[in-house]
Amino acid sequence: MLLVRTTIFLGCALSLMAQSDAPQADASQASSDEEYSGPAILSRGQIAPAQTVAPIAFRPYIGLAGVFDTGLVPVAVTSTGQVPSTNLYRLELNLGAYTYHVWKHTTLALDYRGDFREYSTSYWDGTDQFLSLILTHQPTKRTTFTLRNQTGIYSFNDYSLSSPLGVVDPNYLQLPQNEIYDSRVIFAGVSGDLTYRLTHRLSFNIGGDGTLVRRQSTALYGMTGATARADLEYRISRHSTLGVDYHFTYFEYTKGFGNTDINSVGLNYSTQITPHVQASVRVGGARVQSSSLAVVPLDPALAALLGETEAIQASYRLNYVPDVQARLTDTFRRSQFTVEYLNQVIPGNGVYLTSRNNSGNASYNYSGIRHWNFGANASYGRMTPLVQTIGAYTSYGAGIGITRDLGRGLHTVARLDARHYDVGSIAEYLHTEYRASLGLTFSPGDLPLVLW
């Protein structure tokens, strides 16, 4: 309840601050000899800014939708060892706001999303709450401070943590994704960075972040983690930047003994291919040290003496793995396309612990037709555990959505999503979920509402 109240309070406070819909200057388009205005740098958590006819000062919304879910999965199995699934209808109240404001030396972007749902079966009733924020402050021409935060509560494993405005990159903060079960997850991630420009072309960045993940089910692992990082970037041309970075990441788990240290070094390259197309690549490697508990067979003589065939002992694993991230973004005033690839070590999803994540996703959004907005996304992921002797976890999914401006701030919103996954190639854990929703949303503004 405290997190929900805090989220709503911050959203209300910022709505009072942004009373006007008057366009604000777009900080992403600001440029001078002293500040970096080129393509986004992955090692600094930067993302390509969305372009609109006029930058959005404040955009709230509230709506009501009917939803049909198939394949809801609790943290349980049936008496025959099968994974139970449920098909249910629900009524959902959606609300949120996103805002963007520029002062002389400070820029603030915030996205709040929330819902309250009531199912035909009360077991699944609940709420999801998300708050994403990025604050930048430039006290001098050479120095910039950046604060990022994303926090929330959610219960459905197909929920995306990405923001319609691209406020925060969820991969940058090691936030939970690719959950297996539909069970409540509470998370918070915050990062701070200091960027200093040594010359017009050369700059360095130092920063760190902390992440906290807790899961309601006692059968699933929670995680606490932290990262320290530094990079050096050189502007080799007006449209391209080359640099090198170092990351140290540590995370540990609840429910017992286990932690991981990751030392990663990477080479960064970012380029503005055209005025609308950006490409960013980070290629490197990571040294991963993991400590955990492992089940081992006992020597036959000890087994006969103790009456046990297995024992638990501390285990140490050392792995050298690739650390790669690539992103291509095509952004126009009325549309945006993004495709991204990741090959990195992640903390897992509550069942899988330290794992190598090989994944990709693509999204497209179009508002070029009057009164209409169209959105589509697709994703693929494969998690291979580094400390557990279980098979890989594979998932893929896709979704489409449409909003139609009906006038006077009223919009109709429709969306369809599907997701399939399997756990360790075990037949009992092959699973497919579908979700369809249709509703009405009120949001004053001149542009079609974008919710994905």
Protein backbone atom coordinates (compact mmCIF):
# COMPACT_ATOMS: atom_id res chain seq x y z
CA MET A 1 0.00 0.00 0.00
CA LEU A 2 2.85 2.41 0.76
CA LEU A 3 4.29 2.00 -2.76
CA VAL A 4 0.86 2.52 -4.34
CA ARG A 5 0.19 5.66 -2.28
CA THR A 6 3.64 7.04 -3.07
CA THR A 7 3.15 6.43 -6.79
CA ILE A 8 -0.25 8.14 -6.85
CA PHE A 9 1.05 11.05 -4.76
CA LEU A 10 3.95 11.70 -7.14
CA GLY A 11 1.66 11.50 -10.15
CA CYS A 12 -0.75 14.03 -8.60
CA ALA A 13 2.07 16.36 -7.59
CA LEU A 14 3.45 16.44 -11.12
CA SER A 15 -0.02 16.96 -12.60
CA LEU A 16 -0.34 20.11 -10.49
CA MET A 17 3.08 21.23 -11.68
CA ALA A 18 2.16 20.79 -15.36
CA GLN A 19 -1.17 22.60 -15.65
CA SER A 20 -0.63 23.75 -19.23
CA ASP A 21 -0.57 21.81 -22.49
CA ALA A 22 1.63 24.48 -24.06
CA PRO A 23 4.59 22.97 -25.93
CA GLN A 24 7.93 22.93 -24.14
CA ALA A 25 11.34 23.08 -25.73
CA ASP A 26 12.58 19.61 -26.65
CA ALA A 27 15.80 18.97 -24.77
CA SER A 28 16.68 16.13 -27.09
CA GLN A 29 16.98 18.66 -29.92
CA ALA A 30 19.09 21.12 -27.96
CA SER A 31 22.58 21.44 -29.29
CA SER A 32 25.66 23.52 -28.67
CA ASP A 33 29.39 23.14 -28.93
CA GLU A 34 29.54 22.24 -25.26
CA GLU A 35 26.89 19.52 -24.98
CA TYR A 36 26.40 16.11 -26.55
CA SER A 37 23.35 15.93 -28.86
CA GLY A 38 24.28 12.91 -30.95
CA PRO A 39 22.92 9.34 -31.03
CA ALA A 40 22.12 7.50 -27.81
CA ILE A 41 24.99 5.74 -25.99
CA LEU A 42 24.02 2.31 -24.62
CA SER A 43 26.54 2.25 -21.76
CA ARG A 44 24.92 5.43 -20.37
CA GLY A 45 21.36 4.11 -20.59
CA GLN A 46 20.39 6.64 -23.23
CA ILE A 47 17.48 6.01 -25.59
CA ALA A 48 16.40 7.67 -28.81
CA PRO A 49 13.85 10.39 -27.95
CA ALA A 50 10.36 10.14 -29.40
CA GLN A 51 9.46 12.94 -31.80
CA THR A 52 6.01 14.49 -31.90
CA VAL A 53 4.43 17.47 -33.63
CA ALA A 54 4.83 19.30 -30.32
CA PRO A 55 6.53 17.95 -27.20
CA ILE A 56 3.95 16.76 -24.66
CA ALA A 57 3.82 18.87 -21.52
CA PHE A 58 1.26 16.74 -19.68
CA ARG A 59 -1.03 13.91 -20.81
CA PRO A 60 -3.27 12.17 -18.24
CA TYR A 61 -5.73 9.37 -18.98
CA ILE A 62 -8.39 7.25 -17.27
CA GLY A 63 -10.32 4.39 -18.81
CA LEU A 64 -12.45 1.30 -18.35
CA ALA A 65 -11.89 -1.94 -20.27
CA GLY A 66 -13.19 -5.48 -20.51
CA VAL A 67 -10.44 -8.11 -20.70
CA PHE A 68 -10.41 -11.83 -21.47
CA ASP A 69 -7.36 -13.81 -20.29
CA THR A 70 -6.49 -17.40 -21.19
CA GLY A 71 -3.77 -19.43 -19.53
CA LEU A 72 -3.32 -17.67 -16.16
CA VAL A 73 -0.76 -19.72 -14.20
CA PRO A 74 -0.51 -19.67 -10.37
CA VAL A 75 2.55 -20.95 -8.47
CA ALA A 76 1.17 -24.49 -8.13
CA VAL A 77 0.82 -27.87 -9.83
CA THR A 78 -2.06 -30.32 -9.97
CA SER A 79 -2.08 -33.73 -8.26
CA THR A 80 -0.87 -35.25 -11.55
CA GLY A 81 2.06 -32.84 -11.85
CA GLN A 82 0.49 -30.66 -14.53
CA VAL A 83 0.67 -26.86 -14.57
CA PRO A 84 -2.87 -25.54 -13.93
CA SER A 85 -4.19 -22.69 -16.07
CA THR A 86 -7.33 -20.59 -15.89
CA ASN A 87 -9.41 -18.66 -18.44
CA LEU A 88 -11.21 -15.64 -16.96
CA TYR A 89 -12.97 -12.36 -17.74
CA ARG A 90 -12.18 -9.18 -15.88
CA LEU A 91 -13.20 -5.54 -15.62
CA GLU A 92 -10.24 -3.16 -15.43
CA LEU A 93 -9.89 0.50 -14.48
CA ASN A 94 -6.82 2.10 -16.10
CA LEU A 95 -5.28 5.41 -15.16
CA GLY A 96 -2.02 7.21 -15.68
CA ALA A 97 -0.17 10.27 -16.87
CA TYR A 98 3.04 11.14 -18.62
CA THR A 99 4.70 14.50 -18.52
CA TYR A 100 7.75 16.23 -19.95
CA HIS A 101 9.02 19.58 -18.74
CA VAL A 102 12.13 21.66 -19.46
CA TRP A 103 13.58 24.35 -17.25
CA LYS A 104 16.73 26.36 -17.97
CA HIS A 105 19.15 23.72 -16.69
CA THR A 106 16.85 20.82 -15.77
CA THR A 107 14.66 18.36 -17.67
CA LEU A 108 12.07 16.04 -16.15
CA ALA A 109 10.17 13.19 -17.85
CA LEU A 110 7.76 10.98 -15.94
CA ASP A 111 5.39 8.18 -16.86
CA TYR A 112 2.86 6.72 -14.41
CA ARG A 113 0.62 3.76 -15.26
CA GLY A 114 -1.80 1.91 -13.02
CA ASP A 115 -4.77 -0.42 -13.14
CA PHE A 116 -7.29 -1.92 -10.75
CA ARG A 117 -8.94 -5.17 -11.85
CA GLU A 118 -11.84 -7.35 -10.75
CA TYR A 119 -12.09 -10.89 -12.09
CA SER A 120 -14.98 -13.30 -12.15
CA THR A 121 -12.90 -15.18 -9.53
CA SER A 122 -11.71 -13.00 -6.65
CA TYR A 123 -8.38 -14.89 -6.30
CA TRP A 124 -7.00 -12.92 -9.27
CA ASP A 125 -8.29 -9.48 -8.22
CA GLY A 126 -5.60 -6.86 -7.64
CA THR A 127 -3.70 -3.88 -9.00
CA ASP A 128 -0.61 -3.10 -11.07
CA GLN A 129 1.33 0.13 -10.51
CA PHE A 130 4.31 1.52 -12.44
CA LEU A 131 6.30 4.73 -12.12
CA SER A 132 9.18 5.67 -14.46
CA LEU A 133 11.20 8.86 -14.11
CA ILE A 134 14.29 10.49 -15.57
CA LEU A 135 15.69 13.77 -14.27
CA THR A 136 18.69 15.55 -15.79
CA HIS A 137 20.39 18.63 -14.39
CA GLN A 138 23.23 20.61 -15.97
CA PRO A 139 24.81 22.87 -13.33
CA THR A 140 27.64 23.86 -15.70
CA LYS A 141 28.28 23.63 -19.44
CA ARG A 142 30.54 20.62 -18.90
CA THR A 143 28.72 18.72 -16.14
CA THR A 144 25.42 16.79 -16.26
CA PHE A 145 23.72 14.77 -13.52
CA THR A 146 21.16 12.12 -14.49
CA LEU A 147 18.75 10.32 -12.16
CA ARG A 148 16.64 7.38 -13.38
CA ASN A 149 14.00 5.45 -11.47
CA GLN A 150 11.51 2.73 -12.22
CA THR A 151 9.41 1.09 -9.52
CA GLY A 152 6.20 -0.86 -9.37
CA ILE A 153 4.04 -3.86 -8.56
CA TYR A 154 2.65 -6.32 -11.11
CA SER A 155 1.18 -9.81 -11.19
CA PHE A 156 1.11 -10.99 -14.81
CA ASN A 157 4.18 -12.50 -16.46
CA ASP A 158 3.51 -10.90 -19.85
CA TYR A 159 3.52 -7.35 -18.53
CA SER A 160 6.01 -5.08 -20.30
CA LEU A 161 8.07 -2.62 -18.25
CA SER A 162 8.79 -0.39 -21.24
CA SER A 163 7.29 3.10 -21.32
CA PRO A 164 5.31 4.69 -24.19
CA LEU A 165 7.60 7.73 -23.94
CA GLY A 166 10.74 5.65 -23.58
CA VAL A 167 11.44 7.26 -20.21
CA VAL A 168 13.65 4.47 -18.85
CA ASP A 169 15.32 1.46 -20.50
CA PRO A 170 14.36 -1.55 -18.28
CA ASN A 171 17.50 -3.45 -19.36
CA TYR A 172 19.70 -0.70 -17.93
CA LEU A 173 18.36 -1.21 -14.38
CA GLN A 174 18.28 -5.04 -14.35
CA LEU A 175 14.51 -5.03 -13.77
CA PRO A 176 12.48 -8.28 -13.63
CA GLN A 177 11.08 -9.60 -16.91
CA ASN A 178 10.21 -12.97 -18.46
CA GLU A 179 8.44 -14.27 -15.37
CA ILE A 180 7.10 -17.83 -15.55
CA TYR A 181 4.19 -17.58 -13.13
CA ASP A 182 1.39 -15.05 -12.72
CA SER A 183 2.38 -14.06 -9.20
CA ARG A 184 2.92 -10.69 -7.57
CA VAL A 185 6.33 -9.04 -8.11
CA ILE A 186 7.48 -5.90 -6.28
CA PHE A 187 10.52 -4.11 -7.69
CA ALA A 188 12.47 -0.86 -7.55
CA GLY A 189 15.45 0.29 -9.54
CA VAL A 190 17.30 3.60 -9.29
CA SER A 191 20.48 4.88 -10.93
CA GLY A 192 22.59 8.02 -10.81
CA ASP A 193 25.20 9.21 -13.30
CA LEU A 194 27.65 12.08 -13.59
CA THR A 195 28.85 13.03 -17.08
CA TYR A 196 31.75 15.44 -17.54
CA ARG A 197 32.88 16.81 -20.91
CA LEU A 198 36.66 17.15 -20.99
CA THR A 199 36.62 18.71 -24.47
CA HIS A 200 34.07 19.31 -27.24
CA ARG A 201 34.55 15.69 -28.33
CA LEU A 202 35.74 13.76 -25.25
CA SER A 203 33.59 12.96 -22.19
CA PHE A 204 33.52 10.46 -19.36
CA ASN A 205 30.70 9.10 -17.23
CA ILE A 206 30.64 7.49 -13.78
CA GLY A 207 27.57 6.09 -12.11
CA GLY A 208 25.86 3.32 -10.23
CA ASP A 209 22.49 1.76 -9.62
CA GLY A 210 20.64 -0.41 -7.15
CA THR A 211 17.85 -2.91 -7.77
CA LEU A 212 15.45 -4.66 -5.41
CA VAL A 213 13.07 -7.45 -6.48
CA ARG A 214 10.71 -9.31 -4.15
CA ARG A 215 8.13 -11.94 -5.11
CA GLN A 216 4.99 -12.75 -3.15
CA SER A 217 5.34 -16.51 -3.48
CA THR A 218 7.74 -18.05 -0.96
CA ALA A 219 8.64 -20.64 -3.60
CA LEU A 220 10.30 -17.99 -5.80
CA TYR A 221 13.60 -16.19 -5.31
CA GLY A 222 13.94 -12.45 -4.75
CA MET A 223 17.05 -10.45 -5.65
CA THR A 224 19.08 -7.49 -4.41
CA GLY A 225 21.69 -6.04 -6.73
CA ALA A 226 24.01 -3.11 -7.40
CA THR A 227 26.18 -1.90 -10.28
CA ALA A 228 29.13 0.49 -10.53
CA ARG A 229 30.24 1.68 -13.97
CA ALA A 230 32.43 4.11 -15.88
CA ASP A 231 32.99 4.91 -19.53
CA LEU A 232 35.05 7.16 -21.81
CA GLU A 233 33.42 8.32 -25.07
CA TYR A 234 34.93 10.21 -28.01
CA ARG A 235 32.88 12.05 -30.65
CA ILE A 236 34.72 10.92 -33.79
CA SER A 237 32.40 12.92 -36.09
CA ARG A 238 29.29 15.06 -35.92
CA HIS A 239 27.08 11.98 -36.08
CA SER A 240 29.16 9.18 -34.49
CA THR A 241 30.66 8.35 -31.10
CA LEU A 242 33.13 5.64 -30.09
CA GLY A 243 34.04 4.64 -26.55
CA VAL A 244 34.92 2.00 -23.98
CA ASP A 245 33.25 1.12 -20.67
CA TYR A 246 33.60 -1.03 -17.56
CA HIS A 247 30.79 -2.43 -15.37
CA PHE A 248 30.93 -4.26 -12.05
CA THR A 249 27.65 -5.90 -11.03
CA TYR A 250 26.78 -7.77 -7.84
CA PHE A 251 23.51 -9.45 -6.90
CA GLU A 252 22.39 -11.91 -4.25
CA TYR A 253 19.22 -13.88 -3.69
CA THR A 254 16.70 -14.39 -0.94
CA LYS A 255 15.78 -17.88 0.35
CA GLY A 256 19.34 -18.92 1.14
CA PHE A 257 22.95 -18.87 0.00
CA GLY A 258 23.83 -17.50 -3.44
CA ASN A 259 25.43 -14.48 -5.13
CA THR A 260 27.10 -13.42 -8.38
CA ASP A 261 29.90 -10.99 -9.32
CA ILE A 262 30.16 -9.79 -12.92
CA ASN A 263 33.10 -7.85 -14.37
CA SER A 264 32.32 -6.60 -17.87
CA VAL A 265 34.29 -4.57 -20.42
CA GLY A 266 32.71 -3.31 -23.62
CA LEU A 267 33.33 -1.23 -26.74
CA ASN A 268 30.56 1.24 -27.68
CA TYR A 269 29.68 2.68 -31.08
CA SER A 270 26.71 4.97 -31.78
CA THR A 271 25.84 6.65 -35.05
CA GLN A 272 23.11 8.81 -36.58
CA ILE A 273 22.64 7.11 -39.95
CA THR A 274 20.00 9.60 -41.14
CA PRO A 275 18.16 12.44 -39.37
CA HIS A 276 15.61 9.81 -38.23
CA VAL A 277 17.65 6.61 -37.86
CA GLN A 278 20.01 5.83 -34.96
CA ALA A 279 22.12 2.72 -34.42
CA SER A 280 23.91 1.86 -31.18
CA VAL A 281 26.07 -1.19 -30.45
CA ARG A 282 27.94 -2.39 -27.38
CA VAL A 283 30.23 -5.41 -27.84
CA GLY A 284 32.19 -6.87 -24.96
CA GLY A 285 32.76 -9.78 -22.62
CA ALA A 286 32.02 -10.61 -18.99
CA ARG A 287 33.70 -12.65 -16.27
CA VAL A 288 30.95 -14.18 -14.14
CA GLN A 289 31.68 -15.66 -10.69
CA SER A 290 28.75 -17.36 -8.98
CA SER A 291 28.36 -19.05 -5.60
CA SER A 292 25.36 -21.25 -4.88
CA LEU A 293 24.18 -24.43 -3.22
CA ALA A 294 24.28 -27.65 -5.26
CA VAL A 295 22.96 -31.17 -4.70
CA VAL A 296 25.73 -33.79 -5.06
CA PRO A 297 25.70 -37.62 -4.73
CA LEU A 298 27.34 -39.09 -1.64
CA ASP A 299 30.08 -41.71 -1.72
CA PRO A 300 28.46 -45.18 -1.42
CA ALA A 301 30.24 -45.81 1.89
CA LEU A 302 28.93 -42.56 3.41
CA ALA A 303 25.50 -43.16 1.91
CA ALA A 304 25.29 -46.56 3.62
CA LEU A 305 26.40 -45.06 6.92
CA LEU A 306 24.14 -42.00 6.87
CA GLY A 307 21.15 -43.47 5.06
CA GLU A 308 21.19 -40.61 2.53
CA THR A 309 22.19 -40.74 -1.13
CA GLU A 310 22.63 -36.98 -1.70
CA ALA A 311 24.05 -33.97 0.12
CA ILE A 312 24.08 -30.20 -0.35
CA GLN A 313 27.37 -28.32 -0.68
CA ALA A 314 28.54 -24.84 -1.62
CA SER A 315 29.33 -24.56 -5.32
CA TYR A 316 31.51 -22.08 -7.20
CA ARG A 317 31.19 -21.42 -10.94
CA LEU A 318 33.36 -19.28 -13.21
CA ASN A 319 32.12 -18.41 -16.71
CA TYR A 320 33.36 -16.16 -19.50
CA VAL A 321 30.46 -15.05 -21.68
CA PRO A 322 29.73 -12.42 -24.37
CA ASP A 323 28.18 -9.12 -23.30
CA VAL A 324 26.42 -7.65 -26.33
CA GLN A 325 23.65 -5.12 -26.90
CA ALA A 326 22.48 -3.61 -30.18
CA ARG A 327 19.62 -1.25 -31.00
CA LEU A 328 18.28 0.35 -34.19
CA THR A 329 15.66 3.10 -33.94
CA ASP A 330 13.77 4.83 -36.75
CA THR A 331 11.87 7.84 -35.37
CA PHE A 332 9.59 10.22 -37.23
CA ARG A 333 7.01 12.71 -36.01
CA ARG A 334 4.17 10.23 -36.50
CA SER A 335 5.86 6.84 -36.18
CA GLN A 336 8.63 5.01 -34.39
CA PHE A 337 10.25 1.64 -35.03
CA THR A 338 12.75 -0.01 -32.67
CA VAL A 339 14.54 -3.33 -32.86
CA GLU A 340 16.92 -4.50 -30.11
CA TYR A 341 19.14 -7.52 -29.41
CA LEU A 342 20.66 -8.58 -26.08
CA ASN A 343 23.17 -11.25 -25.10
CA GLN A 344 23.90 -10.59 -21.44
CA VAL A 345 23.95 -12.15 -17.98
CA ILE A 346 20.85 -11.38 -15.91
CA PRO A 347 19.72 -12.24 -12.34
CA GLY A 348 16.94 -14.56 -13.56
CA ASN A 349 13.19 -14.62 -13.00
CA GLY A 350 12.57 -16.14 -9.57
CA VAL A 351 12.91 -19.74 -10.80
CA TYR A 352 16.07 -19.38 -12.87
CA LEU A 353 18.97 -17.75 -11.04
CA THR A 354 22.06 -16.27 -12.73
CA SER A 355 21.46 -16.88 -16.43
CA ARG A 356 22.68 -15.93 -19.86
CA ASN A 357 19.91 -14.05 -21.66
CA ASN A 358 19.80 -14.18 -25.45
CA SER A 359 16.84 -12.12 -26.57
CA GLY A 360 15.44 -9.74 -29.14
CA ASN A 361 12.41 -7.51 -29.48
CA ALA A 362 10.86 -5.19 -32.04
CA SER A 363 8.12 -2.57 -31.76
CA TYR A 364 6.36 -0.22 -34.16
CA ASN A 365 3.99 2.67 -33.51
CA TYR A 366 2.17 4.77 -36.12
CA SER A 367 -0.06 7.86 -35.74
CA GLY A 368 -0.04 9.10 -39.36
CA ILE A 369 -3.77 8.58 -39.93
CA ARG A 370 -6.03 11.21 -38.42
CA HIS A 371 -7.62 10.12 -35.12
CA TRP A 372 -5.86 6.71 -35.18
CA ASN A 373 -2.84 5.14 -33.51
CA PHE A 374 -1.55 1.66 -34.36
CA GLY A 375 1.01 -0.30 -32.35
CA ALA A 376 2.65 -3.72 -32.71
CA ASN A 377 5.42 -5.56 -30.92
CA ALA A 378 7.18 -8.94 -30.99
CA SER A 379 9.76 -10.54 -28.71
CA TYR A 380 11.91 -13.63 -28.32
CA GLY A 381 14.03 -14.74 -25.38
CA ARG A 382 16.11 -17.70 -24.25
CA MET A 383 17.55 -17.94 -20.74
CA THR A 384 20.32 -20.47 -20.12
CA PRO A 385 21.19 -20.96 -16.40
CA LEU A 386 24.84 -20.67 -15.37
CA VAL A 387 24.49 -22.09 -11.84
CA GLN A 388 21.61 -24.59 -12.16
CA THR A 389 21.41 -27.94 -13.92
CA ILE A 390 18.08 -27.35 -15.65
CA GLY A 391 17.17 -26.79 -19.27
CA ALA A 392 16.88 -23.43 -20.96
CA TYR A 393 13.76 -21.27 -20.67
CA THR A 394 12.44 -20.09 -24.04
CA SER A 395 9.63 -17.62 -24.68
CA TYR A 396 8.26 -15.62 -27.58
CA GLY A 397 5.24 -13.44 -28.06
CA ALA A 398 3.55 -10.70 -30.07
CA GLY A 399 0.88 -8.06 -29.63
CA ILE A 400 -1.11 -5.49 -31.62
CA GLY A 401 -3.11 -2.50 -30.45
CA ILE A 402 -5.30 0.30 -31.84
CA THR A 403 -6.62 3.54 -30.38
CA ARG A 404 -9.27 5.71 -32.05
CA ASP A 405 -9.91 9.33 -31.10
CA LEU A 406 -13.71 9.74 -30.79
CA GLY A 407 -13.57 13.46 -29.96
CA ARG A 408 -13.77 15.52 -26.77
CA GLY A 409 -10.90 13.54 -25.25
CA LEU A 410 -12.59 10.13 -25.58
CA HIS A 411 -10.72 7.22 -27.15
CA THR A 412 -11.56 3.63 -27.85
CA VAL A 413 -8.69 1.22 -27.10
CA ALA A 414 -8.32 -2.38 -28.32
CA ARG A 415 -5.42 -4.77 -27.87
CA LEU A 416 -4.57 -8.45 -28.48
CA ASP A 417 -1.49 -10.23 -27.08
CA ALA A 418 -0.13 -13.78 -27.22
CA ARG A 419 2.83 -15.41 -25.49
CA HIS A 420 4.27 -18.94 -25.60
CA TYR A 421 7.00 -20.38 -23.39
CA ASP A 422 8.55 -23.66 -22.35
CA VAL A 423 10.68 -24.47 -19.31
CA GLY A 424 13.56 -26.84 -19.87
CA SER A 425 11.75 -28.47 -22.84
CA ILE A 426 9.56 -30.35 -20.33
CA ALA A 427 6.19 -31.21 -21.88
CA GLU A 428 4.26 -30.26 -18.71
CA TYR A 429 5.68 -26.74 -18.90
CA LEU A 430 4.79 -25.90 -22.49
CA HIS A 431 2.34 -23.04 -22.19
CA THR A 432 0.56 -20.43 -24.31
CA GLU A 433 -1.32 -17.37 -23.06
CA TYR A 434 -3.68 -14.98 -24.86
CA ARG A 435 -5.16 -11.67 -23.79
CA ALA A 436 -7.78 -9.53 -25.53
CA SER A 437 -9.03 -6.16 -24.25
CA LEU A 438 -11.49 -3.51 -25.41
CA GLY A 439 -12.41 -0.30 -23.63
CA LEU A 440 -12.92 3.45 -23.54
CA THR A 441 -10.36 5.95 -22.25
CA PHE A 442 -10.63 9.66 -21.55
CA SER A 443 -7.49 11.69 -22.23
CA PRO A 444 -7.59 15.37 -23.27
CA GLY A 445 -5.16 16.14 -26.09
CA ASP A 446 -4.84 16.73 -29.82
CA LEU A 447 -3.01 13.46 -30.63
CA PRO A 448 -4.32 9.87 -30.59
CA LEU A 449 -3.56 8.19 -27.28
CA VAL A 450 -0.45 5.96 -27.20
CA LEU A 451 -0.42 3.30 -24.46
CA TRP A 452 2.32 0.91 -25.62
